[in-house]
Amino acid sequence: MVRSMASVYCWLRSTSSANTEQNKSQFFTKSILPQQGVGEKKEWSAQSSVEISWISTDKNNFSRASYAINNYRLLVGQLEKVNVCKIDTNAQIAFWINLYNSLVMHAYLAYGIPQNSLRRLALFHKAAYNVGGHVISASTIEQSIFCFRTPRIGQWLETVLSTAMRKRSGEENKLVSSKFGLKNCQPLVCFALCTGAHSDPSLNVYTASNVEEELKVAKREFVQANMVVKKSKKVFLPKLVEKYVKEAYISSDDLLKWVTENVDKKLDDTIQKCLDLRPNKRASLIIKWLPYNSKFRYLFSKELMEKPWWA
């Protein structure tokens, strides 16, 4: 499903950021319920990834993507027959990651790219598929299955909205959690879930046979690509890492050690230099958190684009 949706996005790729509220897709609605420092400037070349900074949903573009769209519709229809409980834990993790990512991408086509935080929050509750007879939204996958909420601007408001919505859908969410919820917390999934924001990790396809290693690779690639060391004085880390360390119970004093284990030698040496210049300062005081950027963007990994979506 991820490959199929990625193919659609490549057809609809646009450099324009016109208001998509006027261009919502009729094809999809029916099927869906600091300054520069070391490591800061990243070159996302065609050799490493494909960047989607906007999508155009006019009829001409959709006609060119019609084959991939029809294929995706068939895949969505088959979800009603899926029995996720019969597959092993790793297969479940891969299934829910891939489903979440394709569902959120589908939602942008169905409802348009939200122009404010409130509409973006609402998108994760509206976007839903029927999976094995249960209506499961993107928000449900986060909270009831992974027990993890991706970083989003305005989450205080989402907490209020979720409290109000639980009065109406609390029993269904409990049922989904008891039936599909994973037994153990999976903090590494934060490096795999893509919400269409600039601060997100790149989009990949995850496999049942190798999901554990694939998640570790996604973690290392994200940290390497998104951390900044400024003037050998401060280490700036993305908000997603802050979310991860809380879920993984990594202490603030152990955080820099964890970072050095997930970057290349050049960045490692830069961090060590930063620590050597301030030997009397606690490691946690050297760290600063980069603000979360919710501006629309997808990065498709090289591996995702090398293999055709129908494979």
C-alpha atoms as a PDB file:
ATOM      1  CA  MET A   1       0.000   0.000   0.000  1.00  0.00           C
ATOM      2  CA  VAL A   2       2.857   2.380   0.791  1.00  0.00           C
ATOM      3  CA  ARG A   3       4.508   1.811  -2.589  1.00  0.00           C
ATOM      4  CA  SER A   4       1.204   2.305  -4.381  1.00  0.00           C
ATOM      5  CA  MET A   5       0.479   5.557  -2.534  1.00  0.00           C
ATOM      6  CA  ALA A   6       4.048   6.780  -3.073  1.00  0.00           C
ATOM      7  CA  SER A   7       3.552   6.196  -6.788  1.00  0.00           C
ATOM      8  CA  VAL A   8       0.381   8.326  -6.702  1.00  0.00           C
ATOM      9  CA  TYR A   9       2.228  11.117  -4.896  1.00  0.00           C
ATOM     10  CA  CYS A  10       4.995  11.116  -7.482  1.00  0.00           C
ATOM     11  CA  TRP A  11       2.390  11.594 -10.211  1.00  0.00           C
ATOM     12  CA  LEU A  12       0.763  14.413  -8.245  1.00  0.00           C
ATOM     13  CA  ARG A  13       4.016  16.053  -7.168  1.00  0.00           C
ATOM     14  CA  SER A  14       3.833  19.844  -7.473  1.00  0.00           C
ATOM     15  CA  THR A  15       5.951  22.881  -6.612  1.00  0.00           C
ATOM     16  CA  SER A  16       2.837  24.975  -6.085  1.00  0.00           C
ATOM     17  CA  SER A  17       1.391  25.559  -2.625  1.00  0.00           C
ATOM     18  CA  ALA A  18      -2.015  26.752  -3.755  1.00  0.00           C
ATOM     19  CA  ASN A  19      -4.908  26.232  -1.399  1.00  0.00           C
ATOM     20  CA  THR A  20      -5.897  22.591  -1.793  1.00  0.00           C
ATOM     21  CA  GLU A  21      -9.204  23.129  -0.010  1.00  0.00           C
ATOM     22  CA  GLN A  22     -10.556  23.970  -3.463  1.00  0.00           C
ATOM     23  CA  ASN A  23      -8.965  20.884  -5.005  1.00  0.00           C
ATOM     24  CA  LYS A  24      -9.995  18.040  -2.708  1.00  0.00           C
ATOM     25  CA  SER A  25      -9.910  14.709  -4.456  1.00  0.00           C
ATOM     26  CA  GLN A  26     -13.251  13.202  -5.423  1.00  0.00           C
ATOM     27  CA  PHE A  27     -11.346  10.036  -6.332  1.00  0.00           C
ATOM     28  CA  PHE A  28     -10.467   9.265  -2.721  1.00  0.00           C
ATOM     29  CA  THR A  29     -13.155  10.668  -0.457  1.00  0.00           C
ATOM     30  CA  LYS A  30     -15.510   7.701  -0.849  1.00  0.00           C
ATOM     31  CA  SER A  31     -12.939   5.115   0.206  1.00  0.00           C
ATOM     32  CA  ILE A  32     -11.765   6.769   3.409  1.00  0.00           C
ATOM     33  CA  LEU A  33     -13.298   7.418   6.741  1.00  0.00           C
ATOM     34  CA  PRO A  34      19.033  28.014  14.785  1.00  0.00           C
ATOM     35  CA  GLN A  35      21.669  29.278  12.511  1.00  0.00           C
ATOM     36  CA  GLN A  36      23.746  26.904  10.464  1.00  0.00           C
ATOM     37  CA  GLY A  37      26.095  24.499  12.221  1.00  0.00           C
ATOM     38  CA  VAL A  38      27.633  21.080  11.629  1.00  0.00           C
ATOM     39  CA  GLY A  39      24.973  18.700  10.389  1.00  0.00           C
ATOM     40  CA  GLU A  40      22.360  21.367   9.747  1.00  0.00           C
ATOM     41  CA  LYS A  41      22.524  21.825   5.984  1.00  0.00           C
ATOM     42  CA  LYS A  42      21.310  18.650   4.292  1.00  0.00           C
ATOM     43  CA  GLU A  43      21.357  17.921   0.601  1.00  0.00           C
ATOM     44  CA  TRP A  44      18.403  15.750  -0.332  1.00  0.00           C
ATOM     45  CA  SER A  45      19.594  14.791  -3.790  1.00  0.00           C
ATOM     46  CA  ALA A  46      17.709  12.562  -6.194  1.00  0.00           C
ATOM     47  CA  GLN A  47      20.263   9.863  -5.445  1.00  0.00           C
ATOM     48  CA  SER A  48      19.242   9.637  -1.781  1.00  0.00           C
ATOM     49  CA  SER A  49      15.565  10.552  -1.692  1.00  0.00           C
ATOM     50  CA  VAL A  50      12.602  12.154  -3.428  1.00  0.00           C
ATOM     51  CA  GLU A  51      11.071  15.204  -1.774  1.00  0.00           C
ATOM     52  CA  ILE A  52       7.353  15.947  -2.096  1.00  0.00           C
ATOM     53  CA  SER A  53       6.718  19.481  -0.872  1.00  0.00           C
ATOM     54  CA  TRP A  54       3.210  19.782  -2.339  1.00  0.00           C
ATOM     55  CA  ILE A  55       0.662  17.744  -4.287  1.00  0.00           C
ATOM     56  CA  SER A  56      -1.638  18.896  -7.058  1.00  0.00           C
ATOM     57  CA  THR A  57      -5.064  17.252  -7.171  1.00  0.00           C
ATOM     58  CA  ASP A  58      -6.398  18.534 -10.481  1.00  0.00           C
ATOM     59  CA  LYS A  59      -8.135  16.099 -12.825  1.00  0.00           C
ATOM     60  CA  ASN A  60      -5.299  15.953 -15.363  1.00  0.00           C
ATOM     61  CA  ASN A  61      -2.820  14.742 -12.778  1.00  0.00           C
ATOM     62  CA  PHE A  62      -5.271  12.176 -11.408  1.00  0.00           C
ATOM     63  CA  SER A  63      -5.905  10.752 -14.847  1.00  0.00           C
ATOM     64  CA  ARG A  64      -2.178  10.013 -15.173  1.00  0.00           C
ATOM     65  CA  ALA A  65      -2.184   8.351 -11.744  1.00  0.00           C
ATOM     66  CA  SER A  66      -5.426   6.418 -12.322  1.00  0.00           C
ATOM     67  CA  TYR A  67      -3.799   2.979 -12.541  1.00  0.00           C
ATOM     68  CA  ALA A  68      -2.054   3.363  -9.181  1.00  0.00           C
ATOM     69  CA  ILE A  69      -5.233   4.846  -7.689  1.00  0.00           C
ATOM     70  CA  ASN A  70      -7.361   1.895  -8.797  1.00  0.00           C
ATOM     71  CA  ASN A  71      -4.781  -0.532  -7.450  1.00  0.00           C
ATOM     72  CA  TYR A  72      -4.825   1.272  -4.106  1.00  0.00           C
ATOM     73  CA  ARG A  73      -8.634   1.095  -3.915  1.00  0.00           C
ATOM     74  CA  LEU A  74      -8.444  -2.679  -4.309  1.00  0.00           C
ATOM     75  CA  LEU A  75      -5.916  -2.933  -1.486  1.00  0.00           C
ATOM     76  CA  VAL A  76      -8.077  -0.802   0.826  1.00  0.00           C
ATOM     77  CA  GLY A  77     -11.087  -3.045   0.106  1.00  0.00           C
ATOM     78  CA  GLN A  78      -9.114  -6.134   1.130  1.00  0.00           C
ATOM     79  CA  LEU A  79      -8.402  -4.738   4.602  1.00  0.00           C
ATOM     80  CA  GLU A  80     -11.883  -5.759   5.786  1.00  0.00           C
ATOM     81  CA  LYS A  81     -10.832  -9.408   5.429  1.00  0.00           C
ATOM     82  CA  VAL A  82      -7.500  -9.071   7.249  1.00  0.00           C
ATOM     83  CA  ASN A  83      -7.076 -10.914  10.552  1.00  0.00           C
ATOM     84  CA  VAL A  84      -4.125  -9.136  12.138  1.00  0.00           C
ATOM     85  CA  CYS A  85      -4.336 -11.219  15.329  1.00  0.00           C
ATOM     86  CA  LYS A  86      -3.175 -14.347  13.492  1.00  0.00           C
ATOM     87  CA  ILE A  87       0.218 -12.953  12.512  1.00  0.00           C
ATOM     88  CA  ASP A  88       3.284 -12.671  14.769  1.00  0.00           C
ATOM     89  CA  THR A  89       4.324  -9.516  16.613  1.00  0.00           C
ATOM     90  CA  ASN A  90       6.933  -8.335  14.100  1.00  0.00           C
ATOM     91  CA  ALA A  91       4.456  -8.781  11.262  1.00  0.00           C
ATOM     92  CA  GLN A  92       1.888  -6.776  13.224  1.00  0.00           C
ATOM     93  CA  ILE A  93       4.357  -3.948  13.815  1.00  0.00           C
ATOM     94  CA  ALA A  94       5.232  -3.781  10.113  1.00  0.00           C
ATOM     95  CA  PHE A  95       1.547  -4.007   9.132  1.00  0.00           C
ATOM     96  CA  TRP A  96       0.441  -1.136  11.372  1.00  0.00           C
ATOM     97  CA  ILE A  97       3.366   1.119  10.401  1.00  0.00           C
ATOM     98  CA  ASN A  98       2.697   0.628   6.689  1.00  0.00           C
ATOM     99  CA  LEU A  99      -1.052   1.029   7.149  1.00  0.00           C
ATOM    100  CA  TYR A 100      -0.640   4.214   9.187  1.00  0.00           C
ATOM    101  CA  ASN A 101       1.673   5.819   6.650  1.00  0.00           C
ATOM    102  CA  SER A 102      -0.486   4.983   3.642  1.00  0.00           C
ATOM    103  CA  LEU A 103      -3.666   6.029   5.494  1.00  0.00           C
ATOM    104  CA  VAL A 104      -2.286   9.478   6.362  1.00  0.00           C
ATOM    105  CA  MET A 105      -1.088  10.001   2.774  1.00  0.00           C
ATOM    106  CA  HIS A 106      -4.529   8.976   1.538  1.00  0.00           C
ATOM    107  CA  ALA A 107      -6.140  11.449   3.939  1.00  0.00           C
ATOM    108  CA  TYR A 108      -4.264  14.389   2.424  1.00  0.00           C
ATOM    109  CA  LEU A 109      -5.643  13.438  -0.988  1.00  0.00           C
ATOM    110  CA  ALA A 110      -9.161  12.998   0.330  1.00  0.00           C
ATOM    111  CA  TYR A 111      -9.424  16.096   2.510  1.00  0.00           C
ATOM    112  CA  GLY A 112      -6.681  18.367   1.196  1.00  0.00           C
ATOM    113  CA  ILE A 113      -3.597  19.650   2.996  1.00  0.00           C
ATOM    114  CA  PRO A 114      -4.807  21.391   6.196  1.00  0.00           C
ATOM    115  CA  GLN A 115      -4.110  25.096   6.457  1.00  0.00           C
ATOM    116  CA  ASN A 116      -4.061  25.294  10.257  1.00  0.00           C
ATOM    117  CA  SER A 117      -3.241  23.168  13.313  1.00  0.00           C
ATOM    118  CA  LEU A 118      -6.857  22.436  14.232  1.00  0.00           C
ATOM    119  CA  ARG A 119      -7.672  20.971  10.826  1.00  0.00           C
ATOM    120  CA  ARG A 120      -4.441  19.001  10.849  1.00  0.00           C
ATOM    121  CA  LEU A 121      -5.331  17.485  14.223  1.00  0.00           C
ATOM    122  CA  ALA A 122      -8.818  16.639  12.979  1.00  0.00           C
ATOM    123  CA  LEU A 123      -7.341  14.856   9.966  1.00  0.00           C
ATOM    124  CA  PHE A 124      -5.829  12.117  12.139  1.00  0.00           C
ATOM    125  CA  HIS A 125      -9.227  11.386  13.682  1.00  0.00           C
ATOM    126  CA  LYS A 126     -11.183  11.515  10.401  1.00  0.00           C
ATOM    127  CA  ALA A 127      -8.827   9.342   8.358  1.00  0.00           C
ATOM    128  CA  ALA A 128      -9.893   5.727   8.938  1.00  0.00           C
ATOM    129  CA  TYR A 129     -10.107   2.297   7.296  1.00  0.00           C
ATOM    130  CA  ASN A 130     -12.177  -0.776   8.032  1.00  0.00           C
ATOM    131  CA  VAL A 131      -9.640  -3.345   9.237  1.00  0.00           C
ATOM    132  CA  GLY A 132     -11.083  -6.760  10.013  1.00  0.00           C
ATOM    133  CA  GLY A 133     -14.500  -5.264  10.762  1.00  0.00           C
ATOM    134  CA  HIS A 134     -13.212  -2.411  12.951  1.00  0.00           C
ATOM    135  CA  VAL A 135     -13.061   1.241  11.896  1.00  0.00           C
ATOM    136  CA  ILE A 136      -9.511   2.273  12.756  1.00  0.00           C
ATOM    137  CA  SER A 137      -8.243   5.826  12.403  1.00  0.00           C
ATOM    138  CA  ALA A 138      -4.688   7.129  12.274  1.00  0.00           C
ATOM    139  CA  SER A 139      -5.142   8.465  15.803  1.00  0.00           C
ATOM    140  CA  THR A 140      -6.355   5.044  16.985  1.00  0.00           C
ATOM    141  CA  ILE A 141      -3.249   3.350  15.550  1.00  0.00           C
ATOM    142  CA  GLU A 142      -1.061   5.794  17.469  1.00  0.00           C
ATOM    143  CA  GLN A 143      -2.837   5.710  20.801  1.00  0.00           C
ATOM    144  CA  SER A 144      -4.581   2.322  21.033  1.00  0.00           C
ATOM    145  CA  ILE A 145      -2.171   0.088  19.101  1.00  0.00           C
ATOM    146  CA  PHE A 146       1.301   1.630  19.460  1.00  0.00           C
ATOM    147  CA  CYS A 147       0.457   3.582  22.641  1.00  0.00           C
ATOM    148  CA  PHE A 148       2.490   6.393  21.142  1.00  0.00           C
ATOM    149  CA  ARG A 149       1.484   9.846  19.934  1.00  0.00           C
ATOM    150  CA  THR A 150       3.547  11.491  17.195  1.00  0.00           C
ATOM    151  CA  PRO A 151       4.741  15.062  17.885  1.00  0.00           C
ATOM    152  CA  ARG A 152       2.236  17.611  16.614  1.00  0.00           C
ATOM    153  CA  ILE A 153       1.708  21.313  17.166  1.00  0.00           C
ATOM    154  CA  GLY A 154      -1.331  21.938  19.374  1.00  0.00           C
ATOM    155  CA  GLN A 155      -1.390  18.559  21.107  1.00  0.00           C
ATOM    156  CA  TRP A 156      -2.888  20.210  24.183  1.00  0.00           C
ATOM    157  CA  LEU A 157      -5.937  20.881  22.017  1.00  0.00           C
ATOM    158  CA  GLU A 158      -5.882  17.307  20.728  1.00  0.00           C
ATOM    159  CA  THR A 159      -5.978  16.082  24.333  1.00  0.00           C
ATOM    160  CA  VAL A 160      -9.145  18.108  24.902  1.00  0.00           C
ATOM    161  CA  LEU A 161     -10.696  16.861  21.669  1.00  0.00           C
ATOM    162  CA  SER A 162      -9.718  13.264  22.436  1.00  0.00           C
ATOM    163  CA  THR A 163     -11.370  13.514  25.853  1.00  0.00           C
ATOM    164  CA  ALA A 164     -14.592  14.682  24.226  1.00  0.00           C
ATOM    165  CA  MET A 165     -14.415  12.030  21.520  1.00  0.00           C
ATOM    166  CA  ARG A 166     -13.763   9.223  24.002  1.00  0.00           C
ATOM    167  CA  LYS A 167     -17.268   9.723  25.371  1.00  0.00           C
ATOM    168  CA  ARG A 168     -18.605   8.702  21.973  1.00  0.00           C
ATOM    169  CA  SER A 169     -16.040   6.120  20.873  1.00  0.00           C
ATOM    170  CA  GLY A 170     -14.499   4.929  24.137  1.00  0.00           C
ATOM    171  CA  GLU A 171     -15.864   1.399  23.931  1.00  0.00           C
ATOM    172  CA  GLU A 172     -14.670   0.945  20.358  1.00  0.00           C
ATOM    173  CA  ASN A 173     -11.183   2.205  21.244  1.00  0.00           C
ATOM    174  CA  LYS A 174     -11.026  -0.171  24.205  1.00  0.00           C
ATOM    175  CA  LEU A 175     -12.008  -3.036  21.927  1.00  0.00           C
ATOM    176  CA  VAL A 176      -9.367  -2.094  19.357  1.00  0.00           C
ATOM    177  CA  SER A 177      -6.724  -1.774  22.085  1.00  0.00           C
ATOM    178  CA  SER A 178      -7.576  -5.135  23.636  1.00  0.00           C
ATOM    179  CA  LYS A 179      -7.697  -6.892  20.263  1.00  0.00           C
ATOM    180  CA  PHE A 180      -4.879  -5.210  18.311  1.00  0.00           C
ATOM    181  CA  GLY A 181      -2.785  -3.369  20.907  1.00  0.00           C
ATOM    182  CA  LEU A 182       0.838  -4.522  21.032  1.00  0.00           C
ATOM    183  CA  LYS A 183       1.937  -6.124  24.287  1.00  0.00           C
ATOM    184  CA  ASN A 184       5.147  -4.135  24.622  1.00  0.00           C
ATOM    185  CA  CYS A 185       5.870  -0.476  23.975  1.00  0.00           C
ATOM    186  CA  GLN A 186       7.585   0.102  20.611  1.00  0.00           C
ATOM    187  CA  PRO A 187       9.338   3.498  20.894  1.00  0.00           C
ATOM    188  CA  LEU A 188      11.335   2.929  17.694  1.00  0.00           C
ATOM    189  CA  VAL A 189       8.144   3.296  15.627  1.00  0.00           C
ATOM    190  CA  CYS A 190       8.457   7.066  16.066  1.00  0.00           C
ATOM    191  CA  PHE A 191      11.243   6.909  13.446  1.00  0.00           C
ATOM    192  CA  ALA A 192       8.893   5.155  11.019  1.00  0.00           C
ATOM    193  CA  LEU A 193       5.545   6.965  11.347  1.00  0.00           C
ATOM    194  CA  CYS A 194       5.155   9.738   8.769  1.00  0.00           C
ATOM    195  CA  THR A 195       2.553  12.443   9.321  1.00  0.00           C
ATOM    196  CA  GLY A 196       3.429  14.553   6.279  1.00  0.00           C
ATOM    197  CA  ALA A 197       5.404  17.127   8.289  1.00  0.00           C
ATOM    198  CA  HIS A 198       8.795  18.638   7.502  1.00  0.00           C
ATOM    199  CA  SER A 199      10.196  17.283  10.791  1.00  0.00           C
ATOM    200  CA  ASP A 200       9.182  13.689  10.033  1.00  0.00           C
ATOM    201  CA  PRO A 201      11.479  10.790   9.124  1.00  0.00           C
ATOM    202  CA  SER A 202      11.609   9.631   5.503  1.00  0.00           C
ATOM    203  CA  LEU A 203       8.968   7.230   4.216  1.00  0.00           C
ATOM    204  CA  ASN A 204       9.970   3.567   3.974  1.00  0.00           C
ATOM    205  CA  VAL A 205       8.278   0.197   3.567  1.00  0.00           C
ATOM    206  CA  TYR A 206       8.717  -2.107   6.578  1.00  0.00           C
ATOM    207  CA  THR A 207       8.795  -5.881   6.320  1.00  0.00           C
ATOM    208  CA  ALA A 208       7.644  -8.557   8.756  1.00  0.00           C
ATOM    209  CA  SER A 209      10.879 -10.512   8.415  1.00  0.00           C
ATOM    210  CA  ASN A 210      13.252  -7.617   9.162  1.00  0.00           C
ATOM    211  CA  VAL A 211      11.257  -4.844  10.857  1.00  0.00           C
ATOM    212  CA  GLU A 212      13.468  -4.683  13.966  1.00  0.00           C
ATOM    213  CA  GLU A 213      16.625  -3.982  11.982  1.00  0.00           C
ATOM    214  CA  GLU A 214      14.765  -1.651   9.595  1.00  0.00           C
ATOM    215  CA  LEU A 215      13.580   0.448  12.545  1.00  0.00           C
ATOM    216  CA  LYS A 216      17.129   0.675  13.929  1.00  0.00           C
ATOM    217  CA  VAL A 217      18.376   1.829  10.529  1.00  0.00           C
ATOM    218  CA  ALA A 218      15.571   4.418  10.336  1.00  0.00           C
ATOM    219  CA  LYS A 219      16.576   5.693  13.780  1.00  0.00           C
ATOM    220  CA  ARG A 220      20.253   6.081  12.843  1.00  0.00           C
ATOM    221  CA  GLU A 221      19.452   7.764   9.534  1.00  0.00           C
ATOM    222  CA  PHE A 222      17.059  10.220  11.172  1.00  0.00           C
ATOM    223  CA  VAL A 223      19.453  11.236  13.956  1.00  0.00           C
ATOM    224  CA  GLN A 224      22.366  11.567  11.528  1.00  0.00           C
ATOM    225  CA  ALA A 225      20.340  13.729   9.132  1.00  0.00           C
ATOM    226  CA  ASN A 226      18.648  16.012  11.652  1.00  0.00           C
ATOM    227  CA  MET A 227      21.046  16.879  14.474  1.00  0.00           C
ATOM    228  CA  VAL A 228      23.067  20.103  14.533  1.00  0.00           C
ATOM    229  CA  VAL A 229      26.210  21.058  16.479  1.00  0.00           C
ATOM    230  CA  LYS A 230      26.630  24.826  16.601  1.00  0.00           C
ATOM    231  CA  LYS A 231      30.070  26.388  17.177  1.00  0.00           C
ATOM    232  CA  SER A 232      31.116  23.398  19.305  1.00  0.00           C
ATOM    233  CA  LYS A 233      28.969  24.747  22.121  1.00  0.00           C
ATOM    234  CA  LYS A 234      25.463  23.350  21.687  1.00  0.00           C
ATOM    235  CA  VAL A 235      23.968  20.147  20.317  1.00  0.00           C
ATOM    236  CA  PHE A 236      20.569  20.696  18.718  1.00  0.00           C
ATOM    237  CA  LEU A 237      18.309  17.659  18.410  1.00  0.00           C
ATOM    238  CA  PRO A 238      14.915  17.274  16.701  1.00  0.00           C
ATOM    239  CA  LYS A 239      11.715  17.139  18.732  1.00  0.00           C
ATOM    240  CA  LEU A 240      11.122  13.565  17.605  1.00  0.00           C
ATOM    241  CA  VAL A 241      14.239  12.448  19.471  1.00  0.00           C
ATOM    242  CA  GLU A 242      12.924  14.108  22.635  1.00  0.00           C
ATOM    243  CA  LYS A 243       9.726  12.087  22.231  1.00  0.00           C
ATOM    244  CA  TYR A 244      11.706   8.888  21.695  1.00  0.00           C
ATOM    245  CA  VAL A 245      13.991   9.250  24.725  1.00  0.00           C
ATOM    246  CA  LYS A 246      10.972   9.735  26.977  1.00  0.00           C
ATOM    247  CA  GLU A 247       9.321   6.591  25.619  1.00  0.00           C
ATOM    248  CA  ALA A 248      12.587   4.609  25.789  1.00  0.00           C
ATOM    249  CA  TYR A 249      13.433   5.885  29.308  1.00  0.00           C
ATOM    250  CA  ILE A 250      16.807   7.315  28.293  1.00  0.00           C
ATOM    251  CA  SER A 251      17.992   9.777  30.934  1.00  0.00           C
ATOM    252  CA  SER A 252      19.091  13.289  29.985  1.00  0.00           C
ATOM    253  CA  ASP A 253      22.649  12.528  31.153  1.00  0.00           C
ATOM    254  CA  ASP A 254      22.810   9.434  28.929  1.00  0.00           C
ATOM    255  CA  LEU A 255      21.309  11.160  25.898  1.00  0.00           C
ATOM    256  CA  LEU A 256      24.539  12.407  24.303  1.00  0.00           C
ATOM    257  CA  LYS A 257      26.090   8.957  24.632  1.00  0.00           C
ATOM    258  CA  TRP A 258      23.036   7.548  22.848  1.00  0.00           C
ATOM    259  CA  VAL A 259      23.378  10.194  20.119  1.00  0.00           C
ATOM    260  CA  THR A 260      27.052   9.385  19.502  1.00  0.00           C
ATOM    261  CA  GLU A 261      26.112   5.741  19.025  1.00  0.00           C
ATOM    262  CA  ASN A 262      23.743   6.738  16.220  1.00  0.00           C
ATOM    263  CA  VAL A 263      25.866   9.127  14.121  1.00  0.00           C
ATOM    264  CA  ASP A 264      28.961   8.830  11.961  1.00  0.00           C
ATOM    265  CA  LYS A 265      32.514   9.523  13.166  1.00  0.00           C
ATOM    266  CA  LYS A 266      32.525  13.138  11.951  1.00  0.00           C
ATOM    267  CA  LEU A 267      29.506  14.094  14.052  1.00  0.00           C
ATOM    268  CA  ASP A 268      30.741  11.959  16.939  1.00  0.00           C
ATOM    269  CA  ASP A 269      34.065  13.850  16.969  1.00  0.00           C
ATOM    270  CA  THR A 270      32.206  17.182  16.851  1.00  0.00           C
ATOM    271  CA  ILE A 271      30.086  16.208  19.857  1.00  0.00           C
ATOM    272  CA  GLN A 272      33.176  15.080  21.765  1.00  0.00           C
ATOM    273  CA  LYS A 273      34.848  18.422  21.007  1.00  0.00           C
ATOM    274  CA  CYS A 274      31.765  20.168  22.345  1.00  0.00           C
ATOM    275  CA  LEU A 275      32.036  18.175  25.579  1.00  0.00           C
ATOM    276  CA  ASP A 276      35.813  18.728  25.875  1.00  0.00           C
ATOM    277  CA  LEU A 277      35.399  22.503  25.624  1.00  0.00           C
ATOM    278  CA  ARG A 278      32.919  22.479  28.485  1.00  0.00           C
ATOM    279  CA  PRO A 279      34.191  19.734  30.806  1.00  0.00           C
ATOM    280  CA  ASN A 280      32.458  21.056  33.914  1.00  0.00           C
ATOM    281  CA  LYS A 281      29.036  21.295  32.344  1.00  0.00           C
ATOM    282  CA  ARG A 282      26.552  18.447  32.508  1.00  0.00           C
ATOM    283  CA  ALA A 283      25.901  16.824  29.144  1.00  0.00           C
ATOM    284  CA  SER A 284      22.175  17.501  29.442  1.00  0.00           C
ATOM    285  CA  LEU A 285      22.836  21.271  29.599  1.00  0.00           C
ATOM    286  CA  ILE A 286      24.570  21.237  26.218  1.00  0.00           C
ATOM    287  CA  ILE A 287      21.453  19.896  24.478  1.00  0.00           C
ATOM    288  CA  LYS A 288      18.801  22.124  22.904  1.00  0.00           C
ATOM    289  CA  TRP A 289      15.641  20.999  21.129  1.00  0.00           C
ATOM    290  CA  LEU A 290      14.832  22.129  17.603  1.00  0.00           C
ATOM    291  CA  PRO A 291      11.229  23.310  17.138  1.00  0.00           C
ATOM    292  CA  TYR A 292       8.835  20.929  15.408  1.00  0.00           C
ATOM    293  CA  ASN A 293       8.047  21.994  11.836  1.00  0.00           C
ATOM    294  CA  SER A 294       4.599  20.855  10.694  1.00  0.00           C
ATOM    295  CA  LYS A 295       4.878  22.310   7.186  1.00  0.00           C
ATOM    296  CA  PHE A 296       3.777  19.709   4.618  1.00  0.00           C
ATOM    297  CA  ARG A 297       6.533  17.512   3.205  1.00  0.00           C
ATOM    298  CA  TYR A 298       7.305  13.888   2.445  1.00  0.00           C
ATOM    299  CA  LEU A 299      10.710  12.360   1.844  1.00  0.00           C
ATOM    300  CA  PHE A 300      10.637   9.067  -0.051  1.00  0.00           C
ATOM    301  CA  SER A 301      13.642   6.859   0.588  1.00  0.00           C
ATOM    302  CA  LYS A 302      15.901   5.699  -2.224  1.00  0.00           C
ATOM    303  CA  GLU A 303      14.907   2.078  -1.566  1.00  0.00           C
ATOM    304  CA  LEU A 304      11.214   2.954  -1.854  1.00  0.00           C
ATOM    305  CA  MET A 305      11.692   4.558  -5.254  1.00  0.00           C
ATOM    306  CA  GLU A 306      14.052   1.922  -6.652  1.00  0.00           C
ATOM    307  CA  LYS A 307      11.478  -0.856  -6.434  1.00  0.00           C
ATOM    308  CA  PRO A 308       8.256  -0.407  -8.459  1.00  0.00           C
ATOM    309  CA  TRP A 309       4.997  -0.165  -6.471  1.00  0.00           C
ATOM    310  CA  TRP A 310       3.483  -3.240  -8.137  1.00  0.00           C
ATOM    311  CA  ALA A 311       6.356  -5.485  -6.960  1.00  0.00           C
END
